[in-house]
Amino acid sequence: MSLAEILATNLLSPVVLAFVLGAAATLVRSDLEFPEPLYQGLSIYLLLAIGLKGGTALAVTPLAEVVAPAAMTLLLGALTPLTAFAALRYLGRMDRVNAGALAAHFGSVSAVTFLAALAFAEATGVPAEGFMPALVALLEIPAIVIGILLAKAGGETGGARVRDSGPGGRGSVWGPLLHEVLTGRSIVLLVGGLIVGWAAGPVRMAQVDPFFVGIFPGLLTLFLLEMGLVAARRLRDIRAAGLQLLFFGIALPIVHGVLGVWGGTVAGLSVGGAGVFGTMVASASYIAAPAAIRVALPAAKPSLYLTTALGITFPFNLVLGIPLFFALAQLLGG
């Protein structure tokens, strides 16, 4: 399949078109909006469904097939926040706290971008390995911790202070941080779903397939409509943040995506798996990372990290990044 065909397949997919519809609705000032309970319910459903699918696949996958991709996931989960921090800090001249906060987001993973990549892989007839959701859970945590460490390494946190451990004492923020990361919605649903799916196995999971598999594409499309609404609202923030943030919001995902596709290919993933893996590594978290950064680096500016992750990197990956990374995976895997 040529690059033009790959681009057309992605641009005409229901999830991308739904995203565009949501963005257009915001730009024309439509009164379309999602009730908060519906948004929360959809996000819970999607995250749990990812975990269940991954756990079910893990139950029938030999451990030897997962070891190399898992090791590559941890390696790139540690490397990408370092490259992002170096670029933002030394090329972009950003202060240490905000560079570390953004590095945590760029190194972590967007579950919705991952789902869009899975849907694209299915649409193009090159499905990814079933255990890919397990790699999402692995990629989520290391970058957040490393980004925060980088922000604090200079001894200054731009006004952020560690929390008091009690009367008259100052303690570390790491306790609340680890609690926030490990008990946050993304990790609980992903890891919990993996455990449930693995323990139940394919036969027992077949009982709930009509709900977690049959209607999954439709609910993902509905969720992308909401993401279009939210992303378009960030456009004014992009203007305020300047062209530098726009540049890094696109350039870093390209670099990381290329690393991800290469790493996935080296780790033995299929063409579809390498394309999905590249997209994972290229994505920026806007669920787990913001929650952790809010605890550990309160002085970091949400207008920078949320605008970049949701207003720049997410739309870029959804529209252009996914087909580009799949084209590269075809080239390397062919």
C-alpha atoms as a PDB file:
ATOM      1  CA  MET A   1       0.000   0.000   0.000  1.00  0.00           C
ATOM      2  CA  SER A   2       1.398   3.396  -1.038  1.00  0.00           C
ATOM      3  CA  LEU A   3       1.728   6.363   1.298  1.00  0.00           C
ATOM      4  CA  ALA A   4      -1.113   8.124  -0.540  1.00  0.00           C
ATOM      5  CA  GLU A   5      -3.399   5.116  -0.004  1.00  0.00           C
ATOM      6  CA  ILE A   6      -2.401   4.905   3.663  1.00  0.00           C
ATOM      7  CA  LEU A   7      -3.156   8.621   4.135  1.00  0.00           C
ATOM      8  CA  ALA A   8      -6.520   8.282   2.400  1.00  0.00           C
ATOM      9  CA  THR A   9      -7.455   5.261   4.515  1.00  0.00           C
ATOM     10  CA  ASN A  10      -6.695   7.176   7.691  1.00  0.00           C
ATOM     11  CA  LEU A  11      -8.315  10.470   6.698  1.00  0.00           C
ATOM     12  CA  LEU A  12     -11.541   8.715   5.681  1.00  0.00           C
ATOM     13  CA  SER A  13     -11.750   6.517   8.763  1.00  0.00           C
ATOM     14  CA  PRO A  14     -14.758   7.104  11.041  1.00  0.00           C
ATOM     15  CA  VAL A  15     -12.615   8.007  14.065  1.00  0.00           C
ATOM     16  CA  VAL A  16     -10.681  10.742  12.224  1.00  0.00           C
ATOM     17  CA  LEU A  17     -13.803  12.097  10.542  1.00  0.00           C
ATOM     18  CA  ALA A  18     -15.574  12.180  13.909  1.00  0.00           C
ATOM     19  CA  PHE A  19     -12.638  14.107  15.370  1.00  0.00           C
ATOM     20  CA  VAL A  20     -12.795  16.597  12.486  1.00  0.00           C
ATOM     21  CA  LEU A  21     -16.556  16.977  12.985  1.00  0.00           C
ATOM     22  CA  GLY A  22     -16.040  17.763  16.663  1.00  0.00           C
ATOM     23  CA  ALA A  23     -13.332  20.320  15.869  1.00  0.00           C
ATOM     24  CA  ALA A  24     -15.509  21.922  13.199  1.00  0.00           C
ATOM     25  CA  ALA A  25     -18.445  22.136  15.616  1.00  0.00           C
ATOM     26  CA  THR A  26     -16.304  24.091  18.064  1.00  0.00           C
ATOM     27  CA  LEU A  27     -14.904  26.386  15.375  1.00  0.00           C
ATOM     28  CA  VAL A  28     -18.385  27.336  14.136  1.00  0.00           C
ATOM     29  CA  ARG A  29     -19.472  27.862  17.752  1.00  0.00           C
ATOM     30  CA  SER A  30     -22.054  25.102  17.779  1.00  0.00           C
ATOM     31  CA  ASP A  31     -23.780  24.341  21.077  1.00  0.00           C
ATOM     32  CA  LEU A  32     -22.736  20.685  20.738  1.00  0.00           C
ATOM     33  CA  GLU A  33     -21.183  19.416  23.965  1.00  0.00           C
ATOM     34  CA  PHE A  34     -20.838  16.160  25.859  1.00  0.00           C
ATOM     35  CA  PRO A  35     -22.245  15.856  29.376  1.00  0.00           C
ATOM     36  CA  GLU A  36     -19.375  15.239  31.778  1.00  0.00           C
ATOM     37  CA  PRO A  37     -20.810  11.896  33.013  1.00  0.00           C
ATOM     38  CA  LEU A  38     -20.932  10.633  29.416  1.00  0.00           C
ATOM     39  CA  TYR A  39     -17.308  11.633  28.820  1.00  0.00           C
ATOM     40  CA  GLN A  40     -16.215   9.925  32.033  1.00  0.00           C
ATOM     41  CA  GLY A  41     -18.218   6.814  31.202  1.00  0.00           C
ATOM     42  CA  LEU A  42     -16.736   6.551  27.713  1.00  0.00           C
ATOM     43  CA  SER A  43     -13.173   6.975  28.981  1.00  0.00           C
ATOM     44  CA  ILE A  44     -13.705   4.278  31.638  1.00  0.00           C
ATOM     45  CA  TYR A  45     -15.177   1.922  29.040  1.00  0.00           C
ATOM     46  CA  LEU A  46     -12.357   2.450  26.540  1.00  0.00           C
ATOM     47  CA  LEU A  47      -9.544   2.045  29.068  1.00  0.00           C
ATOM     48  CA  LEU A  48     -11.074  -1.084  30.562  1.00  0.00           C
ATOM     49  CA  ALA A  49     -11.703  -2.535  27.108  1.00  0.00           C
ATOM     50  CA  ILE A  50      -8.044  -1.989  26.176  1.00  0.00           C
ATOM     51  CA  GLY A  51      -6.928  -3.837  29.296  1.00  0.00           C
ATOM     52  CA  LEU A  52      -9.372  -6.715  28.813  1.00  0.00           C
ATOM     53  CA  LYS A  53      -8.306  -7.242  25.197  1.00  0.00           C
ATOM     54  CA  GLY A  54      -4.645  -7.184  26.132  1.00  0.00           C
ATOM     55  CA  GLY A  55      -5.126  -9.573  29.054  1.00  0.00           C
ATOM     56  CA  THR A  56      -7.093 -12.003  26.913  1.00  0.00           C
ATOM     57  CA  ALA A  57      -4.305 -12.000  24.330  1.00  0.00           C
ATOM     58  CA  LEU A  58      -1.628 -12.424  26.995  1.00  0.00           C
ATOM     59  CA  ALA A  59      -3.398 -15.548  28.247  1.00  0.00           C
ATOM     60  CA  VAL A  60      -2.627 -17.328  24.979  1.00  0.00           C
ATOM     61  CA  THR A  61       0.688 -15.659  24.079  1.00  0.00           C
ATOM     62  CA  PRO A  62       3.994 -17.394  24.936  1.00  0.00           C
ATOM     63  CA  LEU A  63       6.044 -15.288  27.344  1.00  0.00           C
ATOM     64  CA  ALA A  64       9.041 -15.379  24.986  1.00  0.00           C
ATOM     65  CA  GLU A  65       7.099 -13.353  22.404  1.00  0.00           C
ATOM     66  CA  VAL A  66       6.418 -10.546  24.882  1.00  0.00           C
ATOM     67  CA  VAL A  67       9.850 -10.167  26.522  1.00  0.00           C
ATOM     68  CA  ALA A  68      11.652  -8.271  23.739  1.00  0.00           C
ATOM     69  CA  PRO A  69       8.786  -5.820  23.013  1.00  0.00           C
ATOM     70  CA  ALA A  70       8.360  -5.211  26.758  1.00  0.00           C
ATOM     71  CA  ALA A  71      12.075  -4.495  27.178  1.00  0.00           C
ATOM     72  CA  MET A  72      12.009  -2.111  24.201  1.00  0.00           C
ATOM     73  CA  THR A  73       8.971  -0.371  25.702  1.00  0.00           C
ATOM     74  CA  LEU A  74      10.793   0.271  28.974  1.00  0.00           C
ATOM     75  CA  LEU A  75      13.909   1.441  27.100  1.00  0.00           C
ATOM     76  CA  LEU A  76      12.027   3.955  24.974  1.00  0.00           C
ATOM     77  CA  GLY A  77       9.873   4.945  27.939  1.00  0.00           C
ATOM     78  CA  ALA A  78      13.101   6.096  29.602  1.00  0.00           C
ATOM     79  CA  LEU A  79      14.746   7.539  26.476  1.00  0.00           C
ATOM     80  CA  THR A  80      11.945   9.709  25.086  1.00  0.00           C
ATOM     81  CA  PRO A  81      11.540  11.985  28.127  1.00  0.00           C
ATOM     82  CA  LEU A  82      15.312  12.532  28.041  1.00  0.00           C
ATOM     83  CA  THR A  83      15.281  13.574  24.368  1.00  0.00           C
ATOM     84  CA  ALA A  84      12.216  15.757  24.904  1.00  0.00           C
ATOM     85  CA  PHE A  85      13.748  17.449  27.945  1.00  0.00           C
ATOM     86  CA  ALA A  86      17.055  18.096  26.145  1.00  0.00           C
ATOM     87  CA  ALA A  87      15.275  19.607  23.138  1.00  0.00           C
ATOM     88  CA  LEU A  88      12.937  21.793  25.193  1.00  0.00           C
ATOM     89  CA  ARG A  89      15.561  22.886  27.714  1.00  0.00           C
ATOM     90  CA  TYR A  90      18.591  23.482  25.512  1.00  0.00           C
ATOM     91  CA  LEU A  91      17.114  24.184  22.076  1.00  0.00           C
ATOM     92  CA  GLY A  92      13.856  25.759  23.174  1.00  0.00           C
ATOM     93  CA  ARG A  93      15.366  27.552  26.202  1.00  0.00           C
ATOM     94  CA  MET A  94      12.433  26.494  28.362  1.00  0.00           C
ATOM     95  CA  ASP A  95      12.763  26.614  32.141  1.00  0.00           C
ATOM     96  CA  ARG A  96      13.569  23.333  33.884  1.00  0.00           C
ATOM     97  CA  VAL A  97      10.172  22.812  35.523  1.00  0.00           C
ATOM     98  CA  ASN A  98       8.080  23.211  32.400  1.00  0.00           C
ATOM     99  CA  ALA A  99      10.600  21.292  30.288  1.00  0.00           C
ATOM    100  CA  GLY A 100      10.385  18.398  32.750  1.00  0.00           C
ATOM    101  CA  ALA A 101       6.591  18.537  32.797  1.00  0.00           C
ATOM    102  CA  LEU A 102       6.404  18.462  29.013  1.00  0.00           C
ATOM    103  CA  ALA A 103       9.019  15.683  28.864  1.00  0.00           C
ATOM    104  CA  ALA A 104       6.813  13.557  31.120  1.00  0.00           C
ATOM    105  CA  HIS A 105       3.888  14.059  28.737  1.00  0.00           C
ATOM    106  CA  PHE A 106       5.917  13.352  25.589  1.00  0.00           C
ATOM    107  CA  GLY A 107       7.394  10.192  27.075  1.00  0.00           C
ATOM    108  CA  SER A 108       4.083   8.834  28.312  1.00  0.00           C
ATOM    109  CA  VAL A 109       1.298   7.513  26.083  1.00  0.00           C
ATOM    110  CA  SER A 110      -2.119   8.624  24.871  1.00  0.00           C
ATOM    111  CA  ALA A 111      -4.527   5.705  25.154  1.00  0.00           C
ATOM    112  CA  VAL A 112      -6.909   7.262  22.634  1.00  0.00           C
ATOM    113  CA  THR A 113      -4.142   7.695  20.044  1.00  0.00           C
ATOM    114  CA  PHE A 114      -3.220   4.059  20.657  1.00  0.00           C
ATOM    115  CA  LEU A 115      -6.827   3.010  20.015  1.00  0.00           C
ATOM    116  CA  ALA A 116      -6.946   5.028  16.803  1.00  0.00           C
ATOM    117  CA  ALA A 117      -3.744   3.308  15.656  1.00  0.00           C
ATOM    118  CA  LEU A 118      -5.240  -0.115  16.421  1.00  0.00           C
ATOM    119  CA  ALA A 119      -8.340   0.772  14.421  1.00  0.00           C
ATOM    120  CA  PHE A 120      -6.171   1.925  11.526  1.00  0.00           C
ATOM    121  CA  ALA A 121      -4.151  -1.305  11.630  1.00  0.00           C
ATOM    122  CA  GLU A 122      -7.359  -3.327  11.368  1.00  0.00           C
ATOM    123  CA  ALA A 123      -8.664  -1.144   8.528  1.00  0.00           C
ATOM    124  CA  THR A 124      -5.482  -1.623   6.488  1.00  0.00           C
ATOM    125  CA  GLY A 125      -5.389  -5.388   7.026  1.00  0.00           C
ATOM    126  CA  VAL A 126      -2.178  -5.421   9.079  1.00  0.00           C
ATOM    127  CA  PRO A 127      -3.447  -6.016  12.638  1.00  0.00           C
ATOM    128  CA  ALA A 128      -1.082  -5.574  15.559  1.00  0.00           C
ATOM    129  CA  GLU A 129      -0.221  -8.204  18.152  1.00  0.00           C
ATOM    130  CA  GLY A 130      -2.935  -8.795  20.715  1.00  0.00           C
ATOM    131  CA  PHE A 131      -0.681  -8.042  23.671  1.00  0.00           C
ATOM    132  CA  MET A 132      -0.058  -4.409  22.652  1.00  0.00           C
ATOM    133  CA  PRO A 133      -2.290  -3.036  25.475  1.00  0.00           C
ATOM    134  CA  ALA A 134       0.165  -4.518  27.978  1.00  0.00           C
ATOM    135  CA  LEU A 135       2.862  -2.320  26.421  1.00  0.00           C
ATOM    136  CA  VAL A 136       0.644   0.732  26.896  1.00  0.00           C
ATOM    137  CA  ALA A 137       0.607   0.099  30.644  1.00  0.00           C
ATOM    138  CA  LEU A 138       4.402  -0.324  30.668  1.00  0.00           C
ATOM    139  CA  LEU A 139       4.959   2.892  28.721  1.00  0.00           C
ATOM    140  CA  GLU A 140       2.738   4.975  30.976  1.00  0.00           C
ATOM    141  CA  ILE A 141       4.842   5.111  34.139  1.00  0.00           C
ATOM    142  CA  PRO A 142       8.629   5.467  33.484  1.00  0.00           C
ATOM    143  CA  ALA A 143       8.398   8.730  31.547  1.00  0.00           C
ATOM    144  CA  ILE A 144       6.324  10.451  34.220  1.00  0.00           C
ATOM    145  CA  VAL A 145       8.852   9.615  36.937  1.00  0.00           C
ATOM    146  CA  ILE A 146      11.853  10.566  34.767  1.00  0.00           C
ATOM    147  CA  GLY A 147      10.284  13.858  33.669  1.00  0.00           C
ATOM    148  CA  ILE A 148       9.685  14.856  37.278  1.00  0.00           C
ATOM    149  CA  LEU A 149      13.218  13.856  38.266  1.00  0.00           C
ATOM    150  CA  LEU A 150      14.611  16.002  35.449  1.00  0.00           C
ATOM    151  CA  ALA A 151      12.508  18.952  36.575  1.00  0.00           C
ATOM    152  CA  LYS A 152      13.804  18.634  40.141  1.00  0.00           C
ATOM    153  CA  ALA A 153      17.416  17.751  39.291  1.00  0.00           C
ATOM    154  CA  GLY A 154      18.617  21.344  39.416  1.00  0.00           C
ATOM    155  CA  GLY A 155      17.379  21.832  42.954  1.00  0.00           C
ATOM    156  CA  GLU A 156      14.755  24.343  41.872  1.00  0.00           C
ATOM    157  CA  THR A 157      11.136  23.721  41.017  1.00  0.00           C
ATOM    158  CA  GLY A 158      10.101  27.124  39.839  1.00  0.00           C
ATOM    159  CA  GLY A 159       7.999  27.748  42.908  1.00  0.00           C
ATOM    160  CA  ALA A 160       6.931  24.139  43.407  1.00  0.00           C
ATOM    161  CA  ARG A 161       7.573  22.934  46.931  1.00  0.00           C
ATOM    162  CA  VAL A 162       7.629  19.466  48.340  1.00  0.00           C
ATOM    163  CA  ARG A 163       4.719  18.694  50.580  1.00  0.00           C
ATOM    164  CA  ASP A 164       4.890  18.760  54.335  1.00  0.00           C
ATOM    165  CA  SER A 165       5.069  15.315  55.846  1.00  0.00           C
ATOM    166  CA  GLY A 166       3.580  16.545  59.094  1.00  0.00           C
ATOM    167  CA  PRO A 167       3.646  19.353  61.612  1.00  0.00           C
ATOM    168  CA  GLY A 168       7.018  21.032  61.539  1.00  0.00           C
ATOM    169  CA  GLY A 169       8.468  18.685  58.953  1.00  0.00           C
ATOM    170  CA  ARG A 170       8.961  18.636  55.252  1.00  0.00           C
ATOM    171  CA  GLY A 171       8.648  15.365  53.404  1.00  0.00           C
ATOM    172  CA  SER A 172       8.972  14.134  49.880  1.00  0.00           C
ATOM    173  CA  VAL A 173       6.345  14.515  47.177  1.00  0.00           C
ATOM    174  CA  TRP A 174       7.113  11.018  45.924  1.00  0.00           C
ATOM    175  CA  GLY A 175       4.588   9.297  48.156  1.00  0.00           C
ATOM    176  CA  PRO A 176       1.613  11.305  46.843  1.00  0.00           C
ATOM    177  CA  LEU A 177       3.074  11.160  43.341  1.00  0.00           C
ATOM    178  CA  LEU A 178       3.417   7.379  43.248  1.00  0.00           C
ATOM    179  CA  HIS A 179      -0.063   7.059  44.685  1.00  0.00           C
ATOM    180  CA  GLU A 180      -1.416   9.385  41.985  1.00  0.00           C
ATOM    181  CA  VAL A 181       0.348   7.493  39.189  1.00  0.00           C
ATOM    182  CA  LEU A 182      -0.319   3.944  40.353  1.00  0.00           C
ATOM    183  CA  THR A 183      -3.912   4.480  41.472  1.00  0.00           C
ATOM    184  CA  GLY A 184      -4.924   6.864  38.718  1.00  0.00           C
ATOM    185  CA  ARG A 185      -7.807   5.907  36.460  1.00  0.00           C
ATOM    186  CA  SER A 186      -5.623   4.958  33.478  1.00  0.00           C
ATOM    187  CA  ILE A 187      -3.353   2.545  35.338  1.00  0.00           C
ATOM    188  CA  VAL A 188      -6.100   0.975  37.458  1.00  0.00           C
ATOM    189  CA  LEU A 189      -8.274   0.272  34.426  1.00  0.00           C
ATOM    190  CA  LEU A 190      -5.447  -0.815  32.121  1.00  0.00           C
ATOM    191  CA  VAL A 191      -3.646  -3.049  34.597  1.00  0.00           C
ATOM    192  CA  GLY A 192      -6.865  -4.241  36.209  1.00  0.00           C
ATOM    193  CA  GLY A 193      -8.300  -5.075  32.804  1.00  0.00           C
ATOM    194  CA  LEU A 194      -5.123  -6.939  31.863  1.00  0.00           C
ATOM    195  CA  ILE A 195      -5.382  -9.059  35.006  1.00  0.00           C
ATOM    196  CA  VAL A 196      -9.081  -9.758  34.509  1.00  0.00           C
ATOM    197  CA  GLY A 197      -8.652 -10.641  30.841  1.00  0.00           C
ATOM    198  CA  TRP A 198      -5.627 -12.845  31.539  1.00  0.00           C
ATOM    199  CA  ALA A 199      -7.310 -14.653  34.440  1.00  0.00           C
ATOM    200  CA  ALA A 200     -10.583 -15.208  32.583  1.00  0.00           C
ATOM    201  CA  GLY A 201      -9.020 -16.268  29.289  1.00  0.00           C
ATOM    202  CA  PRO A 202     -10.560 -16.158  25.804  1.00  0.00           C
ATOM    203  CA  VAL A 203     -13.341 -18.686  26.492  1.00  0.00           C
ATOM    204  CA  ARG A 204     -14.808 -16.883  29.515  1.00  0.00           C
ATOM    205  CA  MET A 205     -14.200 -13.443  28.020  1.00  0.00           C
ATOM    206  CA  ALA A 206     -16.356 -14.468  25.053  1.00  0.00           C
ATOM    207  CA  GLN A 207     -19.357 -13.869  27.329  1.00  0.00           C
ATOM    208  CA  VAL A 208     -18.719 -10.119  27.330  1.00  0.00           C
ATOM    209  CA  ASP A 209     -17.356  -9.785  23.789  1.00  0.00           C
ATOM    210  CA  PRO A 210     -20.606  -8.281  22.442  1.00  0.00           C
ATOM    211  CA  PHE A 211     -20.130  -5.338  24.807  1.00  0.00           C
ATOM    212  CA  PHE A 212     -16.345  -4.897  24.937  1.00  0.00           C
ATOM    213  CA  VAL A 213     -15.616  -5.881  21.325  1.00  0.00           C
ATOM    214  CA  GLY A 214     -18.808  -5.600  19.290  1.00  0.00           C
ATOM    215  CA  ILE A 215     -19.713  -1.977  20.058  1.00  0.00           C
ATOM    216  CA  PHE A 216     -16.158  -0.826  20.742  1.00  0.00           C
ATOM    217  CA  PRO A 217     -15.586   0.910  17.338  1.00  0.00           C
ATOM    218  CA  GLY A 218     -18.810   2.867  17.666  1.00  0.00           C
ATOM    219  CA  LEU A 219     -18.037   4.134  21.167  1.00  0.00           C
ATOM    220  CA  LEU A 220     -14.479   4.995  20.127  1.00  0.00           C
ATOM    221  CA  THR A 221     -15.891   7.078  17.269  1.00  0.00           C
ATOM    222  CA  LEU A 222     -18.205   8.853  19.722  1.00  0.00           C
ATOM    223  CA  PHE A 223     -15.275   9.554  22.048  1.00  0.00           C
ATOM    224  CA  LEU A 224     -13.224  11.007  19.171  1.00  0.00           C
ATOM    225  CA  LEU A 225     -16.087  13.401  18.468  1.00  0.00           C
ATOM    226  CA  GLU A 226     -15.657  14.729  22.006  1.00  0.00           C
ATOM    227  CA  MET A 227     -11.870  14.884  21.549  1.00  0.00           C
ATOM    228  CA  GLY A 228     -12.386  17.063  18.489  1.00  0.00           C
ATOM    229  CA  LEU A 229     -14.486  19.459  20.534  1.00  0.00           C
ATOM    230  CA  VAL A 230     -11.859  19.648  23.278  1.00  0.00           C
ATOM    231  CA  ALA A 231      -8.837  19.932  20.976  1.00  0.00           C
ATOM    232  CA  ALA A 232     -10.358  22.794  18.997  1.00  0.00           C
ATOM    233  CA  ARG A 233     -10.886  24.745  22.205  1.00  0.00           C
ATOM    234  CA  ARG A 234      -7.109  24.690  22.665  1.00  0.00           C
ATOM    235  CA  LEU A 235      -6.426  26.571  19.422  1.00  0.00           C
ATOM    236  CA  ARG A 236      -6.391  29.968  21.132  1.00  0.00           C
ATOM    237  CA  ASP A 237      -3.875  28.605  23.663  1.00  0.00           C
ATOM    238  CA  ILE A 238      -1.586  27.526  20.812  1.00  0.00           C
ATOM    239  CA  ARG A 239      -1.556  31.094  19.534  1.00  0.00           C
ATOM    240  CA  ALA A 240      -0.644  32.363  22.987  1.00  0.00           C
ATOM    241  CA  ALA A 241       2.082  29.727  23.468  1.00  0.00           C
ATOM    242  CA  GLY A 242       3.842  30.693  20.244  1.00  0.00           C
ATOM    243  CA  LEU A 243       5.344  28.938  17.243  1.00  0.00           C
ATOM    244  CA  GLN A 244       8.064  27.299  19.326  1.00  0.00           C
ATOM    245  CA  LEU A 245       5.552  25.083  21.115  1.00  0.00           C
ATOM    246  CA  LEU A 246       3.878  24.264  17.813  1.00  0.00           C
ATOM    247  CA  PHE A 247       7.240  23.199  16.386  1.00  0.00           C
ATOM    248  CA  PHE A 248       8.143  20.937  19.308  1.00  0.00           C
ATOM    249  CA  GLY A 249       4.603  19.552  19.475  1.00  0.00           C
ATOM    250  CA  ILE A 250       5.083  18.164  15.967  1.00  0.00           C
ATOM    251  CA  ALA A 251       8.851  17.604  15.695  1.00  0.00           C
ATOM    252  CA  LEU A 252       9.222  15.546  18.876  1.00  0.00           C
ATOM    253  CA  PRO A 253       6.431  13.097  17.970  1.00  0.00           C
ATOM    254  CA  ILE A 254       8.030  12.568  14.566  1.00  0.00           C
ATOM    255  CA  VAL A 255      11.426  11.792  16.129  1.00  0.00           C
ATOM    256  CA  HIS A 256       9.890   9.581  18.805  1.00  0.00           C
ATOM    257  CA  GLY A 257       7.617   7.850  16.299  1.00  0.00           C
ATOM    258  CA  VAL A 258      10.557   6.949  14.087  1.00  0.00           C
ATOM    259  CA  LEU A 259      12.388   5.586  17.133  1.00  0.00           C
ATOM    260  CA  GLY A 260       9.277   3.610  18.086  1.00  0.00           C
ATOM    261  CA  VAL A 261       8.811   2.045  14.654  1.00  0.00           C
ATOM    262  CA  TRP A 262      12.484   1.117  14.517  1.00  0.00           C
ATOM    263  CA  GLY A 263      12.400  -0.236  18.077  1.00  0.00           C
ATOM    264  CA  GLY A 264       9.249  -2.243  17.416  1.00  0.00           C
ATOM    265  CA  THR A 265      10.760  -3.758  14.280  1.00  0.00           C
ATOM    266  CA  VAL A 266      13.974  -4.654  16.105  1.00  0.00           C
ATOM    267  CA  ALA A 267      11.937  -6.210  18.936  1.00  0.00           C
ATOM    268  CA  GLY A 268      10.240  -8.532  16.458  1.00  0.00           C
ATOM    269  CA  LEU A 269       6.813  -6.917  16.134  1.00  0.00           C
ATOM    270  CA  SER A 270       4.835  -7.329  12.934  1.00  0.00           C
ATOM    271  CA  VAL A 271       4.358  -4.450  10.504  1.00  0.00           C
ATOM    272  CA  GLY A 272       1.059  -3.594  12.178  1.00  0.00           C
ATOM    273  CA  GLY A 273       2.589  -3.957  15.630  1.00  0.00           C
ATOM    274  CA  ALA A 274       5.549  -1.720  14.748  1.00  0.00           C
ATOM    275  CA  GLY A 275       3.187   0.921  13.333  1.00  0.00           C
ATOM    276  CA  VAL A 276       1.066   0.895  16.480  1.00  0.00           C
ATOM    277  CA  PHE A 277       4.162   0.889  18.678  1.00  0.00           C
ATOM    278  CA  GLY A 278       5.618   3.867  16.813  1.00  0.00           C
ATOM    279  CA  THR A 279       2.351   5.733  17.313  1.00  0.00           C
ATOM    280  CA  MET A 280       2.374   4.890  21.025  1.00  0.00           C
ATOM    281  CA  VAL A 281       5.895   6.234  21.473  1.00  0.00           C
ATOM    282  CA  ALA A 282       5.038   9.349  19.438  1.00  0.00           C
ATOM    283  CA  SER A 283       1.932  10.162  21.472  1.00  0.00           C
ATOM    284  CA  ALA A 284       1.663  12.473  24.462  1.00  0.00           C
ATOM    285  CA  SER A 285      -0.423  11.673  27.525  1.00  0.00           C
ATOM    286  CA  TYR A 286      -3.245  13.991  28.517  1.00  0.00           C
ATOM    287  CA  ILE A 287      -4.838  11.838  31.240  1.00  0.00           C
ATOM    288  CA  ALA A 288      -2.266  10.165  33.495  1.00  0.00           C
ATOM    289  CA  ALA A 289       0.622  12.620  33.057  1.00  0.00           C
ATOM    290  CA  PRO A 290      -1.342  15.812  33.844  1.00  0.00           C
ATOM    291  CA  ALA A 291      -2.685  14.242  37.054  1.00  0.00           C
ATOM    292  CA  ALA A 292       0.824  13.304  38.214  1.00  0.00           C
ATOM    293  CA  ILE A 293       2.367  16.631  37.205  1.00  0.00           C
ATOM    294  CA  ARG A 294      -0.315  18.495  39.120  1.00  0.00           C
ATOM    295  CA  VAL A 295       0.856  16.701  42.285  1.00  0.00           C
ATOM    296  CA  ALA A 296       4.624  16.795  41.777  1.00  0.00           C
ATOM    297  CA  LEU A 297       5.163  20.046  39.858  1.00  0.00           C
ATOM    298  CA  PRO A 298       2.373  22.471  40.774  1.00  0.00           C
ATOM    299  CA  ALA A 299       4.364  25.378  39.307  1.00  0.00           C
ATOM    300  CA  ALA A 300       4.359  23.826  35.820  1.00  0.00           C
ATOM    301  CA  LYS A 301       1.945  25.573  33.476  1.00  0.00           C
ATOM    302  CA  PRO A 302      -1.069  23.522  32.305  1.00  0.00           C
ATOM    303  CA  SER A 303      -1.435  25.985  29.432  1.00  0.00           C
ATOM    304  CA  LEU A 304       1.841  24.574  28.084  1.00  0.00           C
ATOM    305  CA  TYR A 305       1.612  20.846  28.698  1.00  0.00           C
ATOM    306  CA  LEU A 306      -2.132  20.405  28.098  1.00  0.00           C
ATOM    307  CA  THR A 307      -2.116  22.614  25.011  1.00  0.00           C
ATOM    308  CA  THR A 308       0.821  20.717  23.529  1.00  0.00           C
ATOM    309  CA  ALA A 309      -0.465  17.227  24.311  1.00  0.00           C
ATOM    310  CA  LEU A 310      -4.110  17.768  23.400  1.00  0.00           C
ATOM    311  CA  GLY A 311      -4.094  20.738  21.030  1.00  0.00           C
ATOM    312  CA  ILE A 312      -1.009  19.960  18.928  1.00  0.00           C
ATOM    313  CA  THR A 313       0.429  16.453  19.286  1.00  0.00           C
ATOM    314  CA  PHE A 314      -2.865  14.552  19.488  1.00  0.00           C
ATOM    315  CA  PRO A 315      -4.386  16.036  16.292  1.00  0.00           C
ATOM    316  CA  PHE A 316      -1.086  15.685  14.427  1.00  0.00           C
ATOM    317  CA  ASN A 317      -0.737  12.009  15.299  1.00  0.00           C
ATOM    318  CA  LEU A 318      -4.383  11.267  14.616  1.00  0.00           C
ATOM    319  CA  VAL A 319      -4.411  12.851  11.143  1.00  0.00           C
ATOM    320  CA  LEU A 320      -0.834  12.502   9.860  1.00  0.00           C
ATOM    321  CA  GLY A 321       1.344  10.653  12.372  1.00  0.00           C
ATOM    322  CA  ILE A 322      -0.453   7.298  12.262  1.00  0.00           C
ATOM    323  CA  PRO A 323      -0.250   6.857   8.468  1.00  0.00           C
ATOM    324  CA  LEU A 324       3.354   8.083   8.392  1.00  0.00           C
ATOM    325  CA  PHE A 325       4.462   5.618  11.067  1.00  0.00           C
ATOM    326  CA  PHE A 326       2.644   2.746   9.360  1.00  0.00           C
ATOM    327  CA  ALA A 327       4.296   3.639   6.049  1.00  0.00           C
ATOM    328  CA  LEU A 328       7.685   3.564   7.789  1.00  0.00           C
ATOM    329  CA  ALA A 329       6.830   0.225   9.436  1.00  0.00           C
ATOM    330  CA  GLN A 330       5.998  -1.190   5.988  1.00  0.00           C
ATOM    331  CA  LEU A 331       9.309   0.085   4.662  1.00  0.00           C
ATOM    332  CA  LEU A 332      11.360  -1.392   7.510  1.00  0.00           C
ATOM    333  CA  GLY A 333       9.334  -4.594   7.729  1.00  0.00           C
ATOM    334  CA  GLY A 334       9.323  -5.212   4.006  1.00  0.00           C
END
